[in-house]
C-alpha atoms as a PDB file:
ATOM      1  CA  UNK A   1       0.896 -11.975 -13.232  1.00  0.00           C
ATOM      2  CA  UNK A   2       1.985 -12.476  -9.649  1.00  0.00           C
ATOM      3  CA  UNK A   3      -0.146 -14.204  -7.073  1.00  0.00           C
ATOM      4  CA  UNK A   4      -1.068 -12.144  -4.044  1.00  0.00           C
ATOM      5  CA  UNK A   5       1.480 -14.016  -1.939  1.00  0.00           C
ATOM      6  CA  UNK A   6       4.245 -13.368  -4.498  1.00  0.00           C
ATOM      7  CA  UNK A   7       3.285  -9.689  -4.777  1.00  0.00           C
ATOM      8  CA  UNK A   8       3.272  -9.227  -0.999  1.00  0.00           C
ATOM      9  CA  UNK A   9       6.709 -10.845  -0.788  1.00  0.00           C
ATOM     10  CA  UNK A  10       8.087  -8.508  -3.461  1.00  0.00           C
ATOM     11  CA  UNK A  11       6.499  -5.368  -2.014  1.00  0.00           C
ATOM     12  CA  UNK A  12       7.890  -6.176   1.436  1.00  0.00           C
ATOM     13  CA  UNK A  13      11.374  -5.770  -0.043  1.00  0.00           C
ATOM     14  CA  UNK A  14      10.762  -2.022   0.028  1.00  0.00           C
ATOM     15  CA  UNK A  15      12.225  -0.441   3.133  1.00  0.00           C
ATOM     16  CA  UNK A  16       9.451   0.352   5.605  1.00  0.00           C
ATOM     17  CA  UNK A  17       6.842  -1.824   3.895  1.00  0.00           C
ATOM     18  CA  UNK A  18       5.470  -4.644   5.985  1.00  0.00           C
ATOM     19  CA  UNK A  19       2.557  -6.981   5.501  1.00  0.00           C
ATOM     20  CA  UNK A  20      -0.075  -4.328   6.225  1.00  0.00           C
ATOM     21  CA  UNK A  21       1.203  -1.727   3.778  1.00  0.00           C
ATOM     22  CA  UNK A  22       1.923  -4.427   1.185  1.00  0.00           C
ATOM     23  CA  UNK A  23      -1.714  -5.528   1.509  1.00  0.00           C
ATOM     24  CA  UNK A  24      -2.849  -1.914   1.131  1.00  0.00           C
ATOM     25  CA  UNK A  25      -0.815  -1.636  -2.072  1.00  0.00           C
ATOM     26  CA  UNK A  26      -2.211  -4.933  -3.383  1.00  0.00           C
ATOM     27  CA  UNK A  27      -5.746  -3.697  -2.689  1.00  0.00           C
ATOM     28  CA  UNK A  28      -5.262  -0.683  -4.959  1.00  0.00           C
ATOM     29  CA  UNK A  29      -3.708  -2.685  -7.772  1.00  0.00           C
ATOM     30  CA  UNK A  30      -0.003  -2.351  -7.022  1.00  0.00           C
ATOM     31  CA  UNK A  31       1.472  -5.826  -7.404  1.00  0.00           C
ATOM     32  CA  UNK A  32       5.158  -5.117  -7.919  1.00  0.00           C
ATOM     33  CA  UNK A  33       7.875  -2.592  -7.236  1.00  0.00           C
ATOM     34  CA  UNK A  34       7.795  -1.767 -10.946  1.00  0.00           C
ATOM     35  CA  UNK A  35       4.119  -0.743 -10.585  1.00  0.00           C
ATOM     36  CA  UNK A  36       5.164   2.018  -8.182  1.00  0.00           C
ATOM     37  CA  UNK A  37       7.491   3.753 -10.623  1.00  0.00           C
ATOM     38  CA  UNK A  38       6.196   7.142 -11.779  1.00  0.00           C
ATOM     39  CA  UNK A  39       3.135   6.885  -9.514  1.00  0.00           C
ATOM     40  CA  UNK A  40       2.038   9.913  -7.533  1.00  0.00           C
ATOM     41  CA  UNK A  41       2.560   9.076  -3.832  1.00  0.00           C
ATOM     42  CA  UNK A  42      -0.300  11.315  -2.710  1.00  0.00           C
ATOM     43  CA  UNK A  43      -2.688   9.702  -5.191  1.00  0.00           C
ATOM     44  CA  UNK A  44      -1.692   6.228  -3.951  1.00  0.00           C
ATOM     45  CA  UNK A  45      -2.283   7.356  -0.357  1.00  0.00           C
ATOM     46  CA  UNK A  46      -5.761   8.666  -1.196  1.00  0.00           C
ATOM     47  CA  UNK A  47      -6.619   5.558  -3.214  1.00  0.00           C
ATOM     48  CA  UNK A  48      -5.639   3.370  -0.278  1.00  0.00           C
ATOM     49  CA  UNK A  49      -7.756   5.394   2.136  1.00  0.00           C
ATOM     50  CA  UNK A  50     -10.686   5.386  -0.289  1.00  0.00           C
ATOM     51  CA  UNK A  51     -10.416   1.612  -0.676  1.00  0.00           C
ATOM     52  CA  UNK A  52     -10.340   1.127   3.099  1.00  0.00           C
ATOM     53  CA  UNK A  53     -13.382   3.347   3.660  1.00  0.00           C
ATOM     54  CA  UNK A  54     -15.427   1.704   0.882  1.00  0.00           C
ATOM     55  CA  UNK A  55     -14.729  -1.692   2.447  1.00  0.00           C
ATOM     56  CA  UNK A  56     -15.992  -0.389   5.784  1.00  0.00           C
ATOM     57  CA  UNK A  57     -12.575  -0.668   7.404  1.00  0.00           C
ATOM     58  CA  UNK A  58     -11.410   1.940   9.822  1.00  0.00           C
ATOM     59  CA  UNK A  59      -7.658   2.111   9.898  1.00  0.00           C
ATOM     60  CA  UNK A  60      -6.154   3.014  13.206  1.00  0.00           C
ATOM     61  CA  UNK A  61      -3.568   5.666  12.556  1.00  0.00           C
ATOM     62  CA  UNK A  62      -0.423   5.192  14.534  1.00  0.00           C
ATOM     63  CA  UNK A  63       2.794   7.075  14.286  1.00  0.00           C
ATOM     64  CA  UNK A  64       4.766   5.707  11.358  1.00  0.00           C
ATOM     65  CA  UNK A  65       2.000   3.512   9.915  1.00  0.00           C
ATOM     66  CA  UNK A  66      -0.669   4.661   7.580  1.00  0.00           C
ATOM     67  CA  UNK A  67      -0.205   8.386   7.970  1.00  0.00           C
ATOM     68  CA  UNK A  68       0.831  10.644   5.114  1.00  0.00           C
ATOM     69  CA  UNK A  69       4.525  10.245   6.028  1.00  0.00           C
ATOM     70  CA  UNK A  70       4.406   6.703   4.642  1.00  0.00           C
ATOM     71  CA  UNK A  71       4.022   8.031   1.091  1.00  0.00           C
ATOM     72  CA  UNK A  72       7.469   9.587   1.004  1.00  0.00           C
END
């Protein structure tokens, strides 16, 4: 199993994924690029938002970060 730091490094290899989105993925149990295969992008998006709201975090939605366009 990868450490969080190793997982973040791997996930950041994905085009358009920076530290924030990599952390979001880690928080919902995605620790590698392989974990993303065959996953439903919309489900991942909703899981990430659910995780953020249950932790009391309010994500500021900016163009290109965190909106539904990030799932595709």
